[in-house]
Amino acid sequence: MKASSINERLKQIWNTNAGHWVKAVRSGQIQSRKDTTNRAILDAVLSLEPVHILDMGCGEGWLVRKLVEISKCTAVGVDISSELIEAARLSDRSSTYLVLDYETITNNPASVEGQFDLIIFNYSLFDEDIIPILTACKRLLTVDGNLLIQTVHPLSMDGNNECENGWREENFNSFPSQGWQPMPWYYRTFDSWTDTIEQTGYGIVEYRESVNALSGKPVSLIFQLA
């Protein structure tokens, strides 16, 4: 899919799903987030002690709110969905939330004002070609800044690491509420992640695997890039 095509689809889908998503996040309906991945990204961020954070694909703003609450940082949230950004602004008057898509930021990184010592993509890289947006983020990072990506762990999908890269569909069937619009997203293997990151010119400082404490199964990968 072309960047403009996926951007328009995601914008429409997330605006349609916004009400469902806000309710799901704020009422704790997403079990993997409750059990594992929320804590995993918080721990990864706090270990870096950032001062100024950019949350790319911030949704309704939970991560921005939490980080500002528990750390001495300021944060900006960016999302493609005007509905989700409105929900974020209503819940947090002190932080900055912007309606922007990745194509716009890629073409003009200055559309996000400021320099950040940490940029976060928390389950928010859905496209096949993520090199342009990751490369553009270099212009928004301070000299010693870091970039964190949390994404689906390959082993959590099919029980092995031999899955092939390709488009998948999230149909939200595991959520208790109905009426969701399915969302396309691009799945990549661990090797594909590392190869893609190498092409952007970032170095992988480390990667973390978050594991469900009850099942012992991997849930997510978190890459720290610099």
C-alpha atoms as a PDB file:
ATOM      1  CA  MET A   1       0.000   0.000   0.000  1.00  0.00           C
ATOM      2  CA  LYS A   2       1.193   3.544  -0.740  1.00  0.00           C
ATOM      3  CA  ALA A   3       1.851   5.813   2.252  1.00  0.00           C
ATOM      4  CA  SER A   4      -0.964   8.191   1.262  1.00  0.00           C
ATOM      5  CA  SER A   5      -3.352   5.267   0.822  1.00  0.00           C
ATOM      6  CA  ILE A   6      -2.622   3.671   4.201  1.00  0.00           C
ATOM      7  CA  ASN A   7      -2.720   7.082   5.886  1.00  0.00           C
ATOM      8  CA  GLU A   8      -6.207   7.799   4.606  1.00  0.00           C
ATOM      9  CA  ARG A   9      -7.463   4.331   5.540  1.00  0.00           C
ATOM     10  CA  LEU A  10      -5.997   4.522   9.032  1.00  0.00           C
ATOM     11  CA  LYS A  11      -7.399   8.004   9.583  1.00  0.00           C
ATOM     12  CA  GLN A  12     -10.890   6.874   8.632  1.00  0.00           C
ATOM     13  CA  ILE A  13     -10.662   3.639  10.621  1.00  0.00           C
ATOM     14  CA  TRP A  14      -9.331   5.223  13.802  1.00  0.00           C
ATOM     15  CA  ASN A  15     -11.905   8.009  13.707  1.00  0.00           C
ATOM     16  CA  THR A  16     -14.614   5.352  13.328  1.00  0.00           C
ATOM     17  CA  ASN A  17     -13.154   3.225  16.133  1.00  0.00           C
ATOM     18  CA  ALA A  18     -12.216   6.127  18.416  1.00  0.00           C
ATOM     19  CA  GLY A  19     -15.078   5.758  20.879  1.00  0.00           C
ATOM     20  CA  HIS A  20     -14.535   2.019  21.202  1.00  0.00           C
ATOM     21  CA  TRP A  21     -10.772   2.507  21.647  1.00  0.00           C
ATOM     22  CA  VAL A  22     -11.096   5.160  24.349  1.00  0.00           C
ATOM     23  CA  LYS A  23     -13.453   2.930  26.310  1.00  0.00           C
ATOM     24  CA  ALA A  24     -11.273  -0.163  25.838  1.00  0.00           C
ATOM     25  CA  VAL A  25      -8.082   1.569  26.975  1.00  0.00           C
ATOM     26  CA  ARG A  26      -9.553   3.482  29.893  1.00  0.00           C
ATOM     27  CA  SER A  27     -11.618   0.598  31.268  1.00  0.00           C
ATOM     28  CA  GLY A  28      -8.769  -1.921  30.991  1.00  0.00           C
ATOM     29  CA  GLN A  29     -10.404  -4.173  28.403  1.00  0.00           C
ATOM     30  CA  ILE A  30      -7.158  -5.034  26.607  1.00  0.00           C
ATOM     31  CA  GLN A  31      -5.700  -7.901  28.619  1.00  0.00           C
ATOM     32  CA  SER A  32      -2.218  -7.899  27.086  1.00  0.00           C
ATOM     33  CA  ARG A  33      -1.820  -4.228  27.926  1.00  0.00           C
ATOM     34  CA  LYS A  34      -3.017  -4.724  31.503  1.00  0.00           C
ATOM     35  CA  ASP A  35      -0.852  -7.774  32.088  1.00  0.00           C
ATOM     36  CA  THR A  36       2.334  -6.920  30.235  1.00  0.00           C
ATOM     37  CA  THR A  37       2.857  -4.288  27.571  1.00  0.00           C
ATOM     38  CA  ASN A  38       1.852  -1.080  29.390  1.00  0.00           C
ATOM     39  CA  ARG A  39       4.332  -1.800  32.153  1.00  0.00           C
ATOM     40  CA  ALA A  40       6.964  -2.849  29.622  1.00  0.00           C
ATOM     41  CA  ILE A  41       6.924   0.444  27.734  1.00  0.00           C
ATOM     42  CA  LEU A  42       6.772   2.483  30.939  1.00  0.00           C
ATOM     43  CA  ASP A  43       9.812   0.676  32.340  1.00  0.00           C
ATOM     44  CA  ALA A  44      11.727   1.154  29.093  1.00  0.00           C
ATOM     45  CA  VAL A  45      10.955   4.879  29.023  1.00  0.00           C
ATOM     46  CA  LEU A  46      11.680   5.539  32.687  1.00  0.00           C
ATOM     47  CA  SER A  47      15.031   3.734  32.471  1.00  0.00           C
ATOM     48  CA  LEU A  48      16.184   6.477  30.078  1.00  0.00           C
ATOM     49  CA  GLU A  49      15.060   9.361  32.320  1.00  0.00           C
ATOM     50  CA  PRO A  50      13.912  11.533  29.412  1.00  0.00           C
ATOM     51  CA  VAL A  51      13.060  15.210  29.791  1.00  0.00           C
ATOM     52  CA  HIS A  52      11.107  15.935  26.603  1.00  0.00           C
ATOM     53  CA  ILE A  53       9.122  13.106  24.973  1.00  0.00           C
ATOM     54  CA  LEU A  54       7.320  12.711  21.663  1.00  0.00           C
ATOM     55  CA  ASP A  55       4.683   9.947  21.585  1.00  0.00           C
ATOM     56  CA  MET A  56       4.014   9.053  17.954  1.00  0.00           C
ATOM     57  CA  GLY A  57       0.605   7.487  17.453  1.00  0.00           C
ATOM     58  CA  CYS A  58      -0.461   8.494  20.957  1.00  0.00           C
ATOM     59  CA  GLY A  59      -4.111   7.507  20.575  1.00  0.00           C
ATOM     60  CA  GLU A  60      -6.212   8.880  23.420  1.00  0.00           C
ATOM     61  CA  GLY A  61      -3.073   9.906  25.285  1.00  0.00           C
ATOM     62  CA  TRP A  62      -2.723   7.365  28.090  1.00  0.00           C
ATOM     63  CA  LEU A  63       1.056   7.079  27.815  1.00  0.00           C
ATOM     64  CA  VAL A  64       1.613  10.836  27.761  1.00  0.00           C
ATOM     65  CA  ARG A  65      -0.615  11.283  30.803  1.00  0.00           C
ATOM     66  CA  LYS A  66       1.082   8.495  32.727  1.00  0.00           C
ATOM     67  CA  LEU A  67       4.622   9.612  31.967  1.00  0.00           C
ATOM     68  CA  VAL A  68       3.924  13.222  32.916  1.00  0.00           C
ATOM     69  CA  GLU A  69       2.291  11.994  36.120  1.00  0.00           C
ATOM     70  CA  ILE A  70       5.156   9.775  37.294  1.00  0.00           C
ATOM     71  CA  SER A  71       8.243  11.488  35.869  1.00  0.00           C
ATOM     72  CA  LYS A  72       9.711  14.953  35.539  1.00  0.00           C
ATOM     73  CA  CYS A  73       9.115  15.263  31.816  1.00  0.00           C
ATOM     74  CA  THR A  74       7.077  17.192  29.307  1.00  0.00           C
ATOM     75  CA  ALA A  75       5.437  15.358  26.444  1.00  0.00           C
ATOM     76  CA  VAL A  76       3.848  15.889  23.058  1.00  0.00           C
ATOM     77  CA  GLY A  77       1.413  13.394  21.570  1.00  0.00           C
ATOM     78  CA  VAL A  78       0.782  13.003  17.839  1.00  0.00           C
ATOM     79  CA  ASP A  79      -1.937  10.954  16.173  1.00  0.00           C
ATOM     80  CA  ILE A  80      -3.646  10.680  12.800  1.00  0.00           C
ATOM     81  CA  SER A  81      -7.126  10.603  14.369  1.00  0.00           C
ATOM     82  CA  SER A  82      -8.747  13.921  15.242  1.00  0.00           C
ATOM     83  CA  GLU A  83     -11.281  12.048  17.385  1.00  0.00           C
ATOM     84  CA  LEU A  84      -8.579  10.418  19.506  1.00  0.00           C
ATOM     85  CA  ILE A  85      -6.646  13.675  19.835  1.00  0.00           C
ATOM     86  CA  GLU A  86      -9.802  15.433  21.007  1.00  0.00           C
ATOM     87  CA  ALA A  87     -10.253  12.747  23.674  1.00  0.00           C
ATOM     88  CA  ALA A  88      -6.618  13.188  24.719  1.00  0.00           C
ATOM     89  CA  ARG A  89      -6.954  16.974  24.989  1.00  0.00           C
ATOM     90  CA  LEU A  90     -10.131  16.749  27.052  1.00  0.00           C
ATOM     91  CA  SER A  91      -8.365  14.472  29.546  1.00  0.00           C
ATOM     92  CA  ASP A  92      -5.091  16.403  29.696  1.00  0.00           C
ATOM     93  CA  ARG A  93      -5.050  20.170  29.370  1.00  0.00           C
ATOM     94  CA  SER A  94      -1.385  20.507  30.286  1.00  0.00           C
ATOM     95  CA  SER A  95       0.274  18.520  27.478  1.00  0.00           C
ATOM     96  CA  THR A  96       0.368  19.185  23.737  1.00  0.00           C
ATOM     97  CA  TYR A  97      -1.545  16.951  21.319  1.00  0.00           C
ATOM     98  CA  LEU A  98      -1.342  17.329  17.540  1.00  0.00           C
ATOM     99  CA  VAL A  99      -3.383  15.854  14.693  1.00  0.00           C
ATOM    100  CA  LEU A 100      -0.696  14.822  12.197  1.00  0.00           C
ATOM    101  CA  ASP A 101      -0.043  11.822   9.981  1.00  0.00           C
ATOM    102  CA  TYR A 102       3.345  10.246   9.371  1.00  0.00           C
ATOM    103  CA  GLU A 103       3.436  11.327   5.733  1.00  0.00           C
ATOM    104  CA  THR A 104       3.141  14.973   6.780  1.00  0.00           C
ATOM    105  CA  ILE A 105       5.864  14.583   9.409  1.00  0.00           C
ATOM    106  CA  THR A 106       8.098  12.747   6.921  1.00  0.00           C
ATOM    107  CA  ASN A 107       7.765  15.566   4.401  1.00  0.00           C
ATOM    108  CA  ASN A 108       8.098  18.286   7.027  1.00  0.00           C
ATOM    109  CA  PRO A 109       9.522  17.191  10.389  1.00  0.00           C
ATOM    110  CA  ALA A 110       9.226  20.812  11.571  1.00  0.00           C
ATOM    111  CA  SER A 111       5.434  20.288  11.672  1.00  0.00           C
ATOM    112  CA  VAL A 112       6.245  18.928  15.135  1.00  0.00           C
ATOM    113  CA  GLU A 113       7.942  21.801  16.899  1.00  0.00           C
ATOM    114  CA  GLY A 114      10.832  21.147  19.255  1.00  0.00           C
ATOM    115  CA  GLN A 115      13.627  18.701  19.916  1.00  0.00           C
ATOM    116  CA  PHE A 116      13.062  15.534  21.921  1.00  0.00           C
ATOM    117  CA  ASP A 117      15.434  13.314  23.841  1.00  0.00           C
ATOM    118  CA  LEU A 118      13.004  10.414  23.414  1.00  0.00           C
ATOM    119  CA  ILE A 119      10.573   9.491  20.642  1.00  0.00           C
ATOM    120  CA  ILE A 120       8.203   6.566  21.236  1.00  0.00           C
ATOM    121  CA  PHE A 121       6.288   4.374  18.789  1.00  0.00           C
ATOM    122  CA  ASN A 122       4.122   2.220  21.036  1.00  0.00           C
ATOM    123  CA  TYR A 123       2.308  -0.217  18.723  1.00  0.00           C
ATOM    124  CA  SER A 124       1.992   2.587  16.199  1.00  0.00           C
ATOM    125  CA  LEU A 125       4.011   1.505  13.144  1.00  0.00           C
ATOM    126  CA  PHE A 126       1.425  -0.132  10.893  1.00  0.00           C
ATOM    127  CA  ASP A 127       2.761   0.474   7.384  1.00  0.00           C
ATOM    128  CA  GLU A 128       5.021  -1.707   5.249  1.00  0.00           C
ATOM    129  CA  ASP A 129       7.501   1.098   4.585  1.00  0.00           C
ATOM    130  CA  ILE A 130       8.454   2.608   7.933  1.00  0.00           C
ATOM    131  CA  ILE A 131      11.896   3.796   6.863  1.00  0.00           C
ATOM    132  CA  PRO A 132      10.762   7.336   5.865  1.00  0.00           C
ATOM    133  CA  ILE A 133       9.112   8.183   9.179  1.00  0.00           C
ATOM    134  CA  LEU A 134      11.924   6.690  11.257  1.00  0.00           C
ATOM    135  CA  THR A 135      14.489   8.604   9.211  1.00  0.00           C
ATOM    136  CA  ALA A 136      12.517  11.846   9.571  1.00  0.00           C
ATOM    137  CA  CYS A 137      12.500  11.405  13.339  1.00  0.00           C
ATOM    138  CA  LYS A 138      16.269  11.913  13.394  1.00  0.00           C
ATOM    139  CA  ARG A 139      15.623  15.604  12.753  1.00  0.00           C
ATOM    140  CA  LEU A 140      13.448  15.728  15.872  1.00  0.00           C
ATOM    141  CA  LEU A 141      15.891  13.988  18.211  1.00  0.00           C
ATOM    142  CA  THR A 142      18.534  15.691  20.302  1.00  0.00           C
ATOM    143  CA  VAL A 143      22.140  14.660  19.664  1.00  0.00           C
ATOM    144  CA  ASP A 144      22.049  12.041  22.409  1.00  0.00           C
ATOM    145  CA  GLY A 145      18.364  11.180  21.985  1.00  0.00           C
ATOM    146  CA  ASN A 146      16.807   7.712  21.789  1.00  0.00           C
ATOM    147  CA  LEU A 147      13.897   6.179  19.939  1.00  0.00           C
ATOM    148  CA  LEU A 148      11.770   3.338  21.359  1.00  0.00           C
ATOM    149  CA  ILE A 149       9.577   0.988  19.346  1.00  0.00           C
ATOM    150  CA  GLN A 150       7.228  -1.476  21.017  1.00  0.00           C
ATOM    151  CA  THR A 151       5.698  -3.956  18.599  1.00  0.00           C
ATOM    152  CA  VAL A 152       4.127  -7.404  18.407  1.00  0.00           C
ATOM    153  CA  HIS A 153       6.550 -10.180  19.271  1.00  0.00           C
ATOM    154  CA  PRO A 154       6.821 -12.580  16.305  1.00  0.00           C
ATOM    155  CA  LEU A 155       6.471 -15.587  18.626  1.00  0.00           C
ATOM    156  CA  SER A 156       3.146 -14.300  19.918  1.00  0.00           C
ATOM    157  CA  MET A 157       1.499 -14.640  16.530  1.00  0.00           C
ATOM    158  CA  ASP A 158       1.779 -18.231  15.342  1.00  0.00           C
ATOM    159  CA  GLY A 159       3.854 -19.981  17.962  1.00  0.00           C
ATOM    160  CA  ASN A 160       7.069 -19.928  15.925  1.00  0.00           C
ATOM    161  CA  ASN A 161       9.447 -17.476  14.324  1.00  0.00           C
ATOM    162  CA  GLU A 162       8.988 -18.618  10.745  1.00  0.00           C
ATOM    163  CA  CYS A 163       6.107 -16.326   9.841  1.00  0.00           C
ATOM    164  CA  GLU A 164       6.484 -14.293   6.680  1.00  0.00           C
ATOM    165  CA  ASN A 165       6.268 -10.539   6.398  1.00  0.00           C
ATOM    166  CA  GLY A 166       2.900  -9.400   5.142  1.00  0.00           C
ATOM    167  CA  TRP A 167      -0.299  -7.506   5.672  1.00  0.00           C
ATOM    168  CA  ARG A 168      -2.593  -8.727   8.445  1.00  0.00           C
ATOM    169  CA  GLU A 169      -5.983  -7.567   9.659  1.00  0.00           C
ATOM    170  CA  GLU A 170      -6.946  -6.716  13.215  1.00  0.00           C
ATOM    171  CA  ASN A 171     -10.652  -7.421  13.527  1.00  0.00           C
ATOM    172  CA  PHE A 172     -10.909  -6.649  17.269  1.00  0.00           C
ATOM    173  CA  ASN A 173     -12.910  -9.852  17.847  1.00  0.00           C
ATOM    174  CA  SER A 174     -11.272 -10.350  21.232  1.00  0.00           C
ATOM    175  CA  PHE A 175     -12.709  -7.069  22.498  1.00  0.00           C
ATOM    176  CA  PRO A 176     -15.988  -7.172  24.423  1.00  0.00           C
ATOM    177  CA  SER A 177     -17.597  -4.289  22.500  1.00  0.00           C
ATOM    178  CA  GLN A 178     -18.950  -4.724  18.990  1.00  0.00           C
ATOM    179  CA  GLY A 179     -18.989  -2.483  15.938  1.00  0.00           C
ATOM    180  CA  TRP A 180     -15.265  -2.129  15.337  1.00  0.00           C
ATOM    181  CA  GLN A 181     -13.991  -1.507  11.811  1.00  0.00           C
ATOM    182  CA  PRO A 182     -11.152  -3.936  10.927  1.00  0.00           C
ATOM    183  CA  MET A 183      -7.704  -2.386  10.571  1.00  0.00           C
ATOM    184  CA  PRO A 184      -4.861  -3.406   8.239  1.00  0.00           C
ATOM    185  CA  TRP A 185      -1.358  -3.620   9.692  1.00  0.00           C
ATOM    186  CA  TYR A 186       1.944  -4.911   8.417  1.00  0.00           C
ATOM    187  CA  TYR A 187       3.555  -7.820  10.263  1.00  0.00           C
ATOM    188  CA  ARG A 188       7.325  -8.283  10.113  1.00  0.00           C
ATOM    189  CA  THR A 189       9.671 -10.917  11.487  1.00  0.00           C
ATOM    190  CA  PHE A 190      12.467 -10.178  13.937  1.00  0.00           C
ATOM    191  CA  ASP A 191      15.032 -10.292  11.132  1.00  0.00           C
ATOM    192  CA  SER A 192      12.921  -7.913   9.081  1.00  0.00           C
ATOM    193  CA  TRP A 193      12.784  -5.478  11.995  1.00  0.00           C
ATOM    194  CA  THR A 194      16.532  -5.499  12.429  1.00  0.00           C
ATOM    195  CA  ASP A 195      17.167  -5.212   8.677  1.00  0.00           C
ATOM    196  CA  THR A 196      14.744  -2.308   8.388  1.00  0.00           C
ATOM    197  CA  ILE A 197      16.283  -0.497  11.340  1.00  0.00           C
ATOM    198  CA  GLU A 198      19.740  -0.947   9.835  1.00  0.00           C
ATOM    199  CA  GLN A 199      18.538   0.751   6.649  1.00  0.00           C
ATOM    200  CA  THR A 200      17.475   3.837   8.612  1.00  0.00           C
ATOM    201  CA  GLY A 201      20.993   4.360   9.977  1.00  0.00           C
ATOM    202  CA  TYR A 202      19.988   3.908  13.603  1.00  0.00           C
ATOM    203  CA  GLY A 203      21.877   1.510  15.801  1.00  0.00           C
ATOM    204  CA  ILE A 204      20.039  -0.936  18.049  1.00  0.00           C
ATOM    205  CA  VAL A 205      21.230  -0.129  21.561  1.00  0.00           C
ATOM    206  CA  GLU A 206      19.264  -3.051  22.950  1.00  0.00           C
ATOM    207  CA  TYR A 207      16.017  -4.906  22.570  1.00  0.00           C
ATOM    208  CA  ARG A 208      13.743  -6.214  25.274  1.00  0.00           C
ATOM    209  CA  GLU A 209      11.225  -9.018  25.162  1.00  0.00           C
ATOM    210  CA  SER A 210       8.175  -8.604  27.349  1.00  0.00           C
ATOM    211  CA  VAL A 211       6.761 -11.893  28.603  1.00  0.00           C
ATOM    212  CA  ASN A 212       3.381 -12.610  30.147  1.00  0.00           C
ATOM    213  CA  ALA A 213       4.065 -13.563  33.768  1.00  0.00           C
ATOM    214  CA  LEU A 214       1.237 -16.109  33.887  1.00  0.00           C
ATOM    215  CA  SER A 215       1.692 -17.893  30.563  1.00  0.00           C
ATOM    216  CA  GLY A 216       5.434 -17.369  30.141  1.00  0.00           C
ATOM    217  CA  LYS A 217       4.805 -16.496  26.502  1.00  0.00           C
ATOM    218  CA  PRO A 218       6.425 -13.512  24.754  1.00  0.00           C
ATOM    219  CA  VAL A 219       4.072 -10.641  24.030  1.00  0.00           C
ATOM    220  CA  SER A 220       6.105  -7.766  22.620  1.00  0.00           C
ATOM    221  CA  LEU A 221       9.512  -6.577  21.447  1.00  0.00           C
ATOM    222  CA  ILE A 222      10.890  -3.207  22.461  1.00  0.00           C
ATOM    223  CA  PHE A 223      13.776  -1.807  20.411  1.00  0.00           C
ATOM    224  CA  GLN A 224      15.890   1.034  21.733  1.00  0.00           C
ATOM    225  CA  LEU A 225      17.531   2.921  18.876  1.00  0.00           C
ATOM    226  CA  ALA A 226      20.079   5.705  18.835  1.00  0.00           C
END
